[in-house]
Protein backbone atom coordinates (compact mmCIF):
# COMPACT_ATOMS: atom_id res chain seq x y z
CA MET A 1 89.72 118.74 79.91
CA ASN A 2 89.97 116.50 83.01
CA GLN A 3 87.71 113.61 83.15
CA SER A 4 86.12 114.66 86.27
CA ALA A 5 84.41 118.01 84.58
CA THR A 6 82.85 115.76 81.57
CA GLN A 7 81.17 113.67 84.39
CA THR A 8 78.01 114.03 85.60
CA PRO A 9 77.56 114.71 89.06
CA ALA A 10 75.72 110.63 89.86
CA GLU A 11 78.54 108.96 87.64
CA ARG A 12 81.24 111.16 90.01
CA GLN A 13 79.68 109.89 93.18
CA ILE A 14 79.62 106.16 91.87
CA ALA A 15 83.77 107.43 90.43
CA GLU A 16 84.79 108.04 94.14
CA ALA A 17 82.79 105.42 95.50
CA ILE A 18 84.99 102.49 93.37
CA ALA A 19 87.88 104.47 94.29
CA ALA A 20 86.83 104.21 98.05
CA GLU A 21 86.40 100.41 97.44
CA ARG A 22 89.81 99.75 95.32
CA GLU A 23 91.64 101.67 98.76
CA SER A 24 90.22 99.46 101.12
CA LEU A 25 91.47 96.29 99.07
CA ARG A 26 94.61 97.32 98.67
CA ALA A 27 96.85 95.41 100.63
CA GLU A 28 98.44 98.57 102.35
CA CYS A 29 95.14 99.90 103.40
CA ARG A 30 94.25 96.52 104.45
CA ALA A 31 96.66 95.97 107.25
CA ASP A 32 97.02 99.43 108.78
CA ALA A 33 93.53 99.20 110.64
CA ALA A 34 93.73 102.95 111.24
CA ARG A 35 93.18 103.23 107.21
CA LEU A 36 90.99 100.97 106.66
CA GLU A 37 88.53 101.97 109.17
CA ARG A 38 88.63 105.52 108.24
CA LEU A 39 86.45 103.71 104.89
CA LEU A 40 84.16 102.13 107.52
CA ALA A 41 81.00 103.87 108.85
CA PRO A 42 80.27 103.13 112.57
CA ASP A 43 77.16 101.16 111.25
CA PHE A 44 79.04 99.06 108.79
CA HIS A 45 77.66 95.44 108.73
CA GLU A 46 78.60 92.97 106.65
CA PHE A 47 77.43 88.91 105.44
CA GLY A 48 81.27 87.40 104.84
CA THR A 49 81.74 85.17 102.56
CA SER A 50 81.32 81.99 105.35
CA GLY A 51 78.03 83.02 105.94
CA GLY A 52 78.67 85.01 109.36
CA GLU A 53 77.90 88.24 110.31
CA ILE A 54 80.81 90.89 111.16
CA GLY A 55 79.79 94.39 112.14
CA TYR A 56 82.35 97.61 112.86
CA GLU A 57 83.49 96.99 116.24
CA GLY A 58 86.74 95.63 116.04
CA THR A 59 86.83 94.63 111.91
CA ALA A 60 89.33 97.26 111.25
CA ALA A 61 92.49 95.76 114.26
CA ARG A 62 91.31 91.96 112.72
CA VAL A 63 91.90 92.70 108.85
CA ALA A 64 95.16 94.53 109.46
CA GLU A 65 95.96 91.27 111.75
CA GLU A 66 95.56 88.89 108.82
CA THR A 67 96.68 90.94 106.12
CA ASP A 68 100.32 90.51 104.89
CA PRO A 69 100.91 94.17 103.18
CA ASN A 70 103.27 92.53 100.91
CA GLY A 71 101.35 89.85 99.79
CA GLU A 72 99.27 88.99 96.77
CA PRO A 73 97.13 91.55 95.94
CA ILE A 74 92.93 91.19 96.23
CA LEU A 75 92.19 90.35 92.18
CA VAL A 76 89.26 92.65 91.17
CA GLU A 77 86.53 92.05 88.04
CA ASN A 78 84.00 94.00 86.75
CA MET A 79 83.31 96.98 89.22
CA ARG A 80 80.54 98.61 88.34
CA GLY A 81 78.07 101.26 90.52
CA TRP A 82 74.47 102.58 90.46
CA PHE A 83 73.78 106.09 91.90
CA LEU A 84 71.12 105.24 94.44
CA ALA A 85 70.82 108.60 96.18
CA GLU A 86 72.93 111.72 96.31
CA GLY A 87 75.83 110.50 98.46
CA LEU A 88 74.51 106.72 98.14
CA VAL A 89 75.92 104.80 96.02
CA MET A 90 75.75 101.03 95.66
CA LEU A 91 78.34 98.85 93.72
CA LYS A 92 78.86 94.98 92.67
CA TYR A 93 82.11 93.34 91.72
CA VAL A 94 83.91 90.13 91.89
CA SER A 95 86.78 89.27 93.82
CA GLU A 96 89.13 86.79 93.65
CA ASN A 97 91.96 85.90 96.98
CA SER A 98 94.09 83.20 97.11
CA GLY A 99 92.32 81.52 94.37
CA ARG A 100 88.77 81.93 96.49
CA ARG A 101 86.38 84.19 94.04
CA SER A 102 83.12 85.73 95.24
CA ASN A 103 80.54 88.16 94.24
CA ARG A 104 80.69 91.39 96.39
CA THR A 105 78.11 94.31 96.80
CA SER A 106 79.10 97.49 98.93
CA LEU A 107 76.74 100.28 99.88
CA TRP A 108 78.91 103.12 100.64
CA ARG A 109 77.88 106.56 101.80
CA ARG A 110 79.48 110.23 101.11
CA VAL A 111 79.68 111.39 105.11
CA GLU A 112 81.73 114.65 103.83
CA PRO A 113 83.16 115.79 99.94
CA GLY A 114 85.65 113.97 99.14
CA HIS A 115 85.42 111.21 101.66
CA TRP A 116 83.09 107.78 101.67
CA GLN A 117 82.39 105.29 104.10
CA MET A 118 81.10 101.76 103.37
CA PHE A 119 77.85 100.75 105.64
CA HIS A 120 77.37 97.35 104.18
CA HIS A 121 78.92 94.55 102.67
CA GLN A 122 77.74 91.42 101.42
CA GLY A 123 80.71 88.70 99.60
CA THR A 124 79.01 85.64 98.26
CA LEU A 125 81.11 82.64 96.92
CA ALA A 126 81.09 82.65 93.54
CA VAL A 127 80.48 78.91 92.20
CA PRO A 128 83.58 77.68 89.61
């Protein structure tokens, strides 16, 4: 029996949001502005680890310019999700990129069956 058949609707939505988050962290996705932009909601907002605020406009292009598709992957630990409401999931995890560890939180919204978009993200540097 396949795993999705045994999952509750909430568990399935969490799994779909986690898959979308993992896709957004892959170097191949981050280096392709159109591919990354498809995962960002038009009302996307981020509080970055730098303390700055980032909006939707130009974010995917900037990330693509800064990403080496053959570079080191972003490492992820302890990704977990919470079902907040139908089509709304919050994720938390720790990432490591170029020796820098960050606590991360993302809010994902389902825009159509199987297609999720991140509308809020926050990264906070982790204390060593």
